[in-house]
């Protein structure tokens, strides 16, 4: 993570994109399952905590998507 995008190999960049997608899928699944369980149990304090987790994960998702876009641009530049 400390190296610049331009210093990393193409394979390493592709692996990071795949890893990021897996992390997002797992995290979003956990939040959705948490919200469904909370709604099923009917505990209101947990719903507000789930909402805060949902908002925080939304911000992280945006940041990861921007990073993924930059990596894909670098890979496309290398292929040209």
PDB file of N, CA and C in Angstrom:
ATOM      1  N   UNK A   1       0.815  -1.196   0.000  1.00  0.00           N
ATOM      2  CA  UNK A   1       0.000   0.000   0.000  1.00  0.00           C
ATOM      3  C   UNK A   1       0.857   1.258   0.000  1.00  0.00           C
ATOM      4  N   UNK A   2       2.085   1.138   0.440  1.00  0.00           N
ATOM      5  CA  UNK A   2       2.938   2.301   0.517  1.00  0.00           C
ATOM      6  C   UNK A   2       3.520   2.715  -0.825  1.00  0.00           C
ATOM      7  N   UNK A   3       3.527   1.790  -1.805  1.00  0.00           N
ATOM      8  CA  UNK A   3       4.102   2.104  -3.106  1.00  0.00           C
ATOM      9  C   UNK A   3       3.101   2.876  -3.960  1.00  0.00           C
ATOM     10  N   UNK A   4       3.637   3.720  -4.825  1.00  0.00           N
ATOM     11  CA  UNK A   4       2.807   4.446  -5.769  1.00  0.00           C
ATOM     12  C   UNK A   4       2.243   3.475  -6.800  1.00  0.00           C
ATOM     13  N   UNK A   5       1.128   3.833  -7.404  1.00  0.00           N
ATOM     14  CA  UNK A   5       0.495   2.974  -8.404  1.00  0.00           C
ATOM     15  C   UNK A   5       1.452   2.680  -9.556  1.00  0.00           C
ATOM     16  N   UNK A   6       2.213   3.654  -9.953  1.00  0.00           N
ATOM     17  CA  UNK A   6       3.113   3.501 -11.105  1.00  0.00           C
ATOM     18  C   UNK A   6       4.280   2.571 -10.812  1.00  0.00           C
ATOM     19  N   UNK A   7       4.586   2.342  -9.539  1.00  0.00           N
ATOM     20  CA  UNK A   7       5.700   1.481  -9.160  1.00  0.00           C
ATOM     21  C   UNK A   7       5.292   0.017  -9.035  1.00  0.00           C
ATOM     22  N   UNK A   8       3.999  -0.281  -9.080  1.00  0.00           N
ATOM     23  CA  UNK A   8       3.515  -1.637  -8.878  1.00  0.00           C
ATOM     24  C   UNK A   8       3.310  -2.351 -10.215  1.00  0.00           C
ATOM     25  N   UNK A   9       3.429  -3.668 -10.175  1.00  0.00           N
ATOM     26  CA  UNK A   9       3.246  -4.443 -11.402  1.00  0.00           C
ATOM     27  C   UNK A   9       1.765  -4.499 -11.769  1.00  0.00           C
ATOM     28  N   UNK A  10       1.499  -4.794 -13.032  1.00  0.00           N
ATOM     29  CA  UNK A  10       0.125  -4.877 -13.512  1.00  0.00           C
ATOM     30  C   UNK A  10      -0.633  -5.986 -12.797  1.00  0.00           C
ATOM     31  N   UNK A  11       0.010  -7.118 -12.588  1.00  0.00           N
ATOM     32  CA  UNK A  11      -0.644  -8.238 -11.894  1.00  0.00           C
ATOM     33  C   UNK A  11      -1.006  -7.858 -10.462  1.00  0.00           C
ATOM     34  N   UNK A  12      -0.122  -7.123  -9.810  1.00  0.00           N
ATOM     35  CA  UNK A  12      -0.381  -6.692  -8.442  1.00  0.00           C
ATOM     36  C   UNK A  12      -1.571  -5.737  -8.396  1.00  0.00           C
ATOM     37  N   UNK A  13      -1.656  -4.859  -9.380  1.00  0.00           N
ATOM     38  CA  UNK A  13      -2.780  -3.930  -9.438  1.00  0.00           C
ATOM     39  C   UNK A  13      -4.094  -4.665  -9.693  1.00  0.00           C
ATOM     40  N   UNK A  14      -4.079  -5.645 -10.600  1.00  0.00           N
ATOM     41  CA  UNK A  14      -5.286  -6.424 -10.875  1.00  0.00           C
ATOM     42  C   UNK A  14      -5.732  -7.184  -9.626  1.00  0.00           C
ATOM     43  N   UNK A  15      -4.767  -7.714  -8.879  1.00  0.00           N
ATOM     44  CA  UNK A  15      -5.089  -8.435  -7.654  1.00  0.00           C
ATOM     45  C   UNK A  15      -5.722  -7.502  -6.621  1.00  0.00           C
ATOM     46  N   UNK A  16      -5.245  -6.265  -6.556  1.00  0.00           N
ATOM     47  CA  UNK A  16      -5.810  -5.307  -5.610  1.00  0.00           C
ATOM     48  C   UNK A  16      -7.245  -4.946  -5.973  1.00  0.00           C
ATOM     49  N   UNK A  17      -7.546  -4.835  -7.268  1.00  0.00           N
ATOM     50  CA  UNK A  17      -8.910  -4.544  -7.694  1.00  0.00           C
ATOM     51  C   UNK A  17      -9.836  -5.685  -7.286  1.00  0.00           C
ATOM     52  N   UNK A  18      -9.407  -6.925  -7.521  1.00  0.00           N
ATOM     53  CA  UNK A  18     -10.222  -8.088  -7.149  1.00  0.00           C
ATOM     54  C   UNK A  18     -10.412  -8.164  -5.639  1.00  0.00           C
ATOM     55  N   UNK A  19      -9.347  -7.918  -4.885  1.00  0.00           N
ATOM     56  CA  UNK A  19      -9.429  -7.949  -3.428  1.00  0.00           C
ATOM     57  C   UNK A  19     -10.388  -6.886  -2.917  1.00  0.00           C
ATOM     58  N   UNK A  20     -10.334  -5.703  -3.497  1.00  0.00           N
ATOM     59  CA  UNK A  20     -11.245  -4.627  -3.106  1.00  0.00           C
ATOM     60  C   UNK A  20     -12.700  -4.995  -3.339  1.00  0.00           C
ATOM     61  N   UNK A  21     -12.976  -5.647  -4.467  1.00  0.00           N
ATOM     62  CA  UNK A  21     -14.348  -6.068  -4.762  1.00  0.00           C
ATOM     63  C   UNK A  21     -14.830  -7.088  -3.746  1.00  0.00           C
ATOM     64  N   UNK A  22     -13.981  -8.044  -3.393  1.00  0.00           N
ATOM     65  CA  UNK A  22     -14.359  -9.069  -2.417  1.00  0.00           C
ATOM     66  C   UNK A  22     -14.630  -8.436  -1.053  1.00  0.00           C
ATOM     67  N   UNK A  23     -13.768  -7.507  -0.652  1.00  0.00           N
ATOM     68  CA  UNK A  23     -13.946  -6.838   0.635  1.00  0.00           C
ATOM     69  C   UNK A  23     -15.271  -6.083   0.657  1.00  0.00           C
ATOM     70  N   UNK A  24     -15.579  -5.360  -0.408  1.00  0.00           N
ATOM     71  CA  UNK A  24     -16.845  -4.624  -0.458  1.00  0.00           C
ATOM     72  C   UNK A  24     -18.047  -5.554  -0.399  1.00  0.00           C
ATOM     73  N   UNK A  25     -17.994  -6.657  -1.105  1.00  0.00           N
ATOM     74  CA  UNK A  25     -19.115  -7.605  -1.098  1.00  0.00           C
ATOM     75  C   UNK A  25     -19.324  -8.171   0.308  1.00  0.00           C
ATOM     76  N   UNK A  26     -18.242  -8.552   0.967  1.00  0.00           N
ATOM     77  CA  UNK A  26     -18.350  -9.114   2.316  1.00  0.00           C
ATOM     78  C   UNK A  26     -18.891  -8.073   3.294  1.00  0.00           C
ATOM     79  N   UNK A  27     -18.370  -6.855   3.222  1.00  0.00           N
ATOM     80  CA  UNK A  27     -18.802  -5.815   4.156  1.00  0.00           C
ATOM     81  C   UNK A  27     -20.266  -5.431   3.941  1.00  0.00           C
ATOM     82  N   UNK A  28     -20.645  -5.240   2.684  1.00  0.00           N
ATOM     83  CA  UNK A  28     -22.038  -4.880   2.415  1.00  0.00           C
ATOM     84  C   UNK A  28     -22.977  -6.014   2.819  1.00  0.00           C
ATOM     85  N   UNK A  29     -22.579  -7.243   2.615  1.00  0.00           N
ATOM     86  CA  UNK A  29     -23.403  -8.381   3.026  1.00  0.00           C
ATOM     87  C   UNK A  29     -23.580  -8.398   4.540  1.00  0.00           C
ATOM     88  N   UNK A  30     -22.507  -8.121   5.262  1.00  0.00           N
ATOM     89  CA  UNK A  30     -22.583  -8.091   6.723  1.00  0.00           C
ATOM     90  C   UNK A  30     -23.521  -6.991   7.209  1.00  0.00           C
ATOM     91  N   UNK A  31     -23.461  -5.823   6.599  1.00  0.00           N
ATOM     92  CA  UNK A  31     -24.340  -4.724   7.005  1.00  0.00           C
ATOM     93  C   UNK A  31     -25.795  -5.058   6.707  1.00  0.00           C
ATOM     94  N   UNK A  32     -26.054  -5.613   5.544  1.00  0.00           N
ATOM     95  CA  UNK A  32     -27.429  -5.957   5.178  1.00  0.00           C
ATOM     96  C   UNK A  32     -27.975  -7.043   6.105  1.00  0.00           C
ATOM     97  N   UNK A  33     -27.169  -8.056   6.392  1.00  0.00           N
ATOM     98  CA  UNK A  33     -27.602  -9.101   7.319  1.00  0.00           C
ATOM     99  C   UNK A  33     -27.856  -8.521   8.701  1.00  0.00           C
ATOM    100  N   UNK A  34     -26.999  -7.616   9.144  1.00  0.00           N
ATOM    101  CA  UNK A  34     -27.173  -6.959  10.441  1.00  0.00           C
ATOM    102  C   UNK A  34     -28.479  -6.177  10.493  1.00  0.00           C
ATOM    103  N   UNK A  35     -28.779  -5.457   9.442  1.00  0.00           N
ATOM    104  CA  UNK A  35     -30.024  -4.677   9.415  1.00  0.00           C
ATOM    105  C   UNK A  35     -31.234  -5.599   9.414  1.00  0.00           C
ATOM    106  N   UNK A  36     -31.197  -6.678   8.641  1.00  0.00           N
ATOM    107  CA  UNK A  36     -32.322  -7.616   8.599  1.00  0.00           C
ATOM    108  C   UNK A  36     -32.538  -8.267   9.963  1.00  0.00           C
ATOM    109  N   UNK A  37     -31.465  -8.701  10.614  1.00  0.00           N
ATOM    110  CA  UNK A  37     -31.589  -9.306  11.948  1.00  0.00           C
ATOM    111  C   UNK A  37     -32.129  -8.296  12.945  1.00  0.00           C
ATOM    112  N   UNK A  38     -31.642  -7.066  12.874  1.00  0.00           N
ATOM    113  CA  UNK A  38     -32.102  -6.023  13.783  1.00  0.00           C
ATOM    114  C   UNK A  38     -33.587  -5.740  13.589  1.00  0.00           C
ATOM    115  N   UNK A  39     -34.011  -5.649  12.349  1.00  0.00           N
ATOM    116  CA  UNK A  39     -35.426  -5.405  12.089  1.00  0.00           C
ATOM    117  C   UNK A  39     -36.278  -6.590  12.538  1.00  0.00           C
ATOM    118  N   UNK A  40     -35.752  -7.795  12.379  1.00  0.00           N
ATOM    119  CA  UNK A  40     -36.474  -8.991  12.803  1.00  0.00           C
ATOM    120  C   UNK A  40     -36.646  -9.014  14.320  1.00  0.00           C
ATOM    121  N   UNK A  41     -35.595  -8.627  15.041  1.00  0.00           N
ATOM    122  CA  UNK A  41     -35.649  -8.625  16.508  1.00  0.00           C
ATOM    123  C   UNK A  41     -36.396  -7.415  17.048  1.00  0.00           C
ATOM    124  N   UNK A  42     -36.447  -6.334  16.292  1.00  0.00           N
ATOM    125  CA  UNK A  42     -37.201  -5.149  16.686  1.00  0.00           C
ATOM    126  C   UNK A  42     -36.546  -4.300  17.750  1.00  0.00           C
ATOM    127  N   UNK A  43     -35.237  -4.224  17.776  1.00  0.00           N
ATOM    128  CA  UNK A  43     -34.551  -3.406  18.774  1.00  0.00           C
ATOM    129  C   UNK A  43     -34.126  -2.092  18.121  1.00  0.00           C
ATOM    130  N   UNK A  44     -34.710  -0.992  18.539  1.00  0.00           N
ATOM    131  CA  UNK A  44     -34.473   0.295  17.888  1.00  0.00           C
ATOM    132  C   UNK A  44     -33.060   0.847  18.064  1.00  0.00           C
ATOM    133  N   UNK A  45     -32.368   0.711  19.215  1.00  0.00           N
ATOM    134  CA  UNK A  45     -30.989   1.238  19.293  1.00  0.00           C
ATOM    135  C   UNK A  45     -30.056   0.585  18.282  1.00  0.00           C
ATOM    136  N   UNK A  46     -30.299  -0.677  17.989  1.00  0.00           N
ATOM    137  CA  UNK A  46     -29.452  -1.368  17.025  1.00  0.00           C
ATOM    138  C   UNK A  46     -29.678  -0.850  15.615  1.00  0.00           C
ATOM    139  N   UNK A  47     -30.893  -0.402  15.328  1.00  0.00           N
ATOM    140  CA  UNK A  47     -31.186   0.132  13.998  1.00  0.00           C
ATOM    141  C   UNK A  47     -30.382   1.396  13.756  1.00  0.00           C
ATOM    142  N   UNK A  48     -30.274   2.263  14.755  1.00  0.00           N
ATOM    143  CA  UNK A  48     -29.486   3.479  14.564  1.00  0.00           C
ATOM    144  C   UNK A  48     -28.003   3.151  14.413  1.00  0.00           C
ATOM    145  N   UNK A  49     -27.529   2.138  15.129  1.00  0.00           N
ATOM    146  CA  UNK A  49     -26.132   1.716  14.984  1.00  0.00           C
ATOM    147  C   UNK A  49     -25.899   1.128  13.594  1.00  0.00           C
ATOM    148  N   UNK A  50     -26.867   0.377  13.094  1.00  0.00           N
ATOM    149  CA  UNK A  50     -26.745  -0.181  11.746  1.00  0.00           C
ATOM    150  C   UNK A  50     -26.749   0.930  10.707  1.00  0.00           C
ATOM    151  N   UNK A  51     -27.539   1.951  10.943  1.00  0.00           N
ATOM    152  CA  UNK A  51     -27.578   3.087  10.009  1.00  0.00           C
ATOM    153  C   UNK A  51     -26.235   3.804   9.973  1.00  0.00           C
ATOM    154  N   UNK A  52     -25.600   3.953  11.127  1.00  0.00           N
ATOM    155  CA  UNK A  52     -24.282   4.587  11.168  1.00  0.00           C
ATOM    156  C   UNK A  52     -23.262   3.728  10.431  1.00  0.00           C
ATOM    157  N   UNK A  53     -23.328   2.409  10.607  1.00  0.00           N
ATOM    158  CA  UNK A  53     -22.439   1.506   9.881  1.00  0.00           C
ATOM    159  C   UNK A  53     -22.685   1.564   8.394  1.00  0.00           C
ATOM    160  N   UNK A  54     -23.952   1.660   8.023  1.00  0.00           N
ATOM    161  CA  UNK A  54     -24.340   1.762   6.617  1.00  0.00           C
ATOM    162  C   UNK A  54     -23.765   3.030   5.992  1.00  0.00           C
ATOM    163  N   UNK A  55     -23.870   4.159   6.695  1.00  0.00           N
ATOM    164  CA  UNK A  55     -23.341   5.427   6.185  1.00  0.00           C
ATOM    165  C   UNK A  55     -21.821   5.388   6.067  1.00  0.00           C
ATOM    166  N   UNK A  56     -21.156   4.853   7.076  1.00  0.00           N
ATOM    167  CA  UNK A  56     -19.692   4.757   7.043  1.00  0.00           C
ATOM    168  C   UNK A  56     -19.206   3.858   5.923  1.00  0.00           C
ATOM    169  N   UNK A  57     -19.897   2.749   5.728  1.00  0.00           N
ATOM    170  CA  UNK A  57     -19.522   1.839   4.658  1.00  0.00           C
ATOM    171  C   UNK A  57     -19.764   2.463   3.292  1.00  0.00           C
ATOM    172  N   UNK A  58     -20.784   3.314   3.204  1.00  0.00           N
ATOM    173  CA  UNK A  58     -21.038   4.025   1.947  1.00  0.00           C
ATOM    174  C   UNK A  58     -19.874   4.932   1.573  1.00  0.00           C
ATOM    175  N   UNK A  59     -19.333   5.626   2.562  1.00  0.00           N
ATOM    176  CA  UNK A  59     -18.194   6.518   2.322  1.00  0.00           C
ATOM    177  C   UNK A  59     -16.962   5.713   1.909  1.00  0.00           C
ATOM    178  N   UNK A  60     -16.725   4.591   2.574  1.00  0.00           N
ATOM    179  CA  UNK A  60     -15.587   3.737   2.234  1.00  0.00           C
ATOM    180  C   UNK A  60     -15.753   3.171   0.823  1.00  0.00           C
ATOM    181  N   UNK A  61     -16.979   2.825   0.459  1.00  0.00           N
ATOM    182  CA  UNK A  61     -17.238   2.295  -0.877  1.00  0.00           C
ATOM    183  C   UNK A  61     -16.882   3.321  -1.942  1.00  0.00           C
ATOM    184  N   UNK A  62     -17.268   4.563  -1.728  1.00  0.00           N
ATOM    185  CA  UNK A  62     -16.941   5.621  -2.682  1.00  0.00           C
ATOM    186  C   UNK A  62     -15.425   5.762  -2.823  1.00  0.00           C
ATOM    187  N   UNK A  63     -14.718   5.744  -1.706  1.00  0.00           N
ATOM    188  CA  UNK A  63     -13.260   5.866  -1.744  1.00  0.00           C
ATOM    189  C   UNK A  63     -12.621   4.681  -2.478  1.00  0.00           C
ATOM    190  N   UNK A  64     -13.125   3.463  -2.238  1.00  0.00           N
ATOM    191  CA  UNK A  64     -12.562   2.289  -2.908  1.00  0.00           C
ATOM    192  C   UNK A  64     -12.874   2.301  -4.400  1.00  0.00           C
ATOM    193  N   UNK A  65     -14.040   2.802  -4.771  1.00  0.00           N
ATOM    194  CA  UNK A  65     -14.382   2.884  -6.185  1.00  0.00           C
ATOM    195  C   UNK A  65     -13.486   3.891  -6.914  1.00  0.00           C
ATOM    196  N   UNK A  66     -13.190   4.998  -6.261  1.00  0.00           N
ATOM    197  CA  UNK A  66     -12.289   5.994  -6.855  1.00  0.00           C
ATOM    198  C   UNK A  66     -10.885   5.396  -7.022  1.00  0.00           C
ATOM    199  N   UNK A  67     -10.404   4.685  -5.997  1.00  0.00           N
ATOM    200  CA  UNK A  67      -9.098   4.029  -6.095  1.00  0.00           C
ATOM    201  C   UNK A  67      -9.076   2.975  -7.187  1.00  0.00           C
ATOM    202  N   UNK A  68     -10.145   2.198  -7.292  1.00  0.00           N
ATOM    203  CA  UNK A  68     -10.236   1.187  -8.341  1.00  0.00           C
ATOM    204  C   UNK A  68     -10.233   1.795  -9.725  1.00  0.00           C
ATOM    205  N   UNK A  69     -10.887   2.943  -9.854  1.00  0.00           N
ATOM    206  CA  UNK A  69     -10.915   3.637 -11.146  1.00  0.00           C
ATOM    207  C   UNK A  69      -9.508   4.085 -11.538  1.00  0.00           C
ATOM    208  N   UNK A  70      -8.763   4.617 -10.574  1.00  0.00           N
ATOM    209  CA  UNK A  70      -7.396   5.058 -10.858  1.00  0.00           C
ATOM    210  C   UNK A  70      -6.502   3.880 -11.246  1.00  0.00           C
ATOM    211  N   UNK A  71      -6.699   2.753 -10.575  1.00  0.00           N
ATOM    212  CA  UNK A  71      -5.905   1.565 -10.914  1.00  0.00           C
ATOM    213  C   UNK A  71      -6.236   1.088 -12.320  1.00  0.00           C
ATOM    214  N   UNK A  72      -7.519   1.055 -12.659  1.00  0.00           N
ATOM    215  CA  UNK A  72      -7.919   0.615 -13.999  1.00  0.00           C
ATOM    216  C   UNK A  72      -7.389   1.565 -15.070  1.00  0.00           C
ATOM    217  N   UNK A  73      -7.355   2.869 -14.782  1.00  0.00           N
ATOM    218  CA  UNK A  73      -6.790   3.831 -15.732  1.00  0.00           C
ATOM    219  C   UNK A  73      -5.302   3.569 -15.936  1.00  0.00           C
ATOM    220  N   UNK A  74      -4.601   3.249 -14.856  1.00  0.00           N
ATOM    221  CA  UNK A  74      -3.162   2.964 -14.960  1.00  0.00           C
ATOM    222  C   UNK A  74      -2.923   1.684 -15.768  1.00  0.00           C
ATOM    223  N   UNK A  75      -3.743   0.660 -15.542  1.00  0.00           N
ATOM    224  CA  UNK A  75      -3.608  -0.586 -16.306  1.00  0.00           C
ATOM    225  C   UNK A  75      -3.870  -0.327 -17.796  1.00  0.00           C
ATOM    226  N   UNK A  76      -4.915   0.475 -18.081  1.00  0.00           N
ATOM    227  CA  UNK A  76      -5.224   0.800 -19.482  1.00  0.00           C
ATOM    228  C   UNK A  76      -4.090   1.597 -20.125  1.00  0.00           C
ATOM    229  N   UNK A  77      -3.486   2.492 -19.365  1.00  0.00           N
ATOM    230  CA  UNK A  77      -2.363   3.288 -19.886  1.00  0.00           C
ATOM    231  C   UNK A  77      -1.173   2.385 -20.216  1.00  0.00           C
ATOM    232  N   UNK A  78      -0.948   1.373 -19.374  1.00  0.00           N
ATOM    233  CA  UNK A  78       0.174   0.456 -19.605  1.00  0.00           C
ATOM    234  C   UNK A  78      -0.079  -0.418 -20.845  1.00  0.00           C
ATOM    235  N   UNK A  79      -1.325  -0.739 -21.111  1.00  0.00           N
ATOM    236  CA  UNK A  79      -1.649  -1.597 -22.254  1.00  0.00           C
ATOM    237  C   UNK A  79      -1.550  -0.855 -23.576  1.00  0.00           C
ATOM    238  N   UNK A  80      -1.567   0.458 -23.552  1.00  0.00           N
ATOM    239  CA  UNK A  80      -1.504   1.242 -24.806  1.00  0.00           C
ATOM    240  C   UNK A  80      -0.122   1.295 -25.391  1.00  0.00           C
TER     241      UNK A  80
END
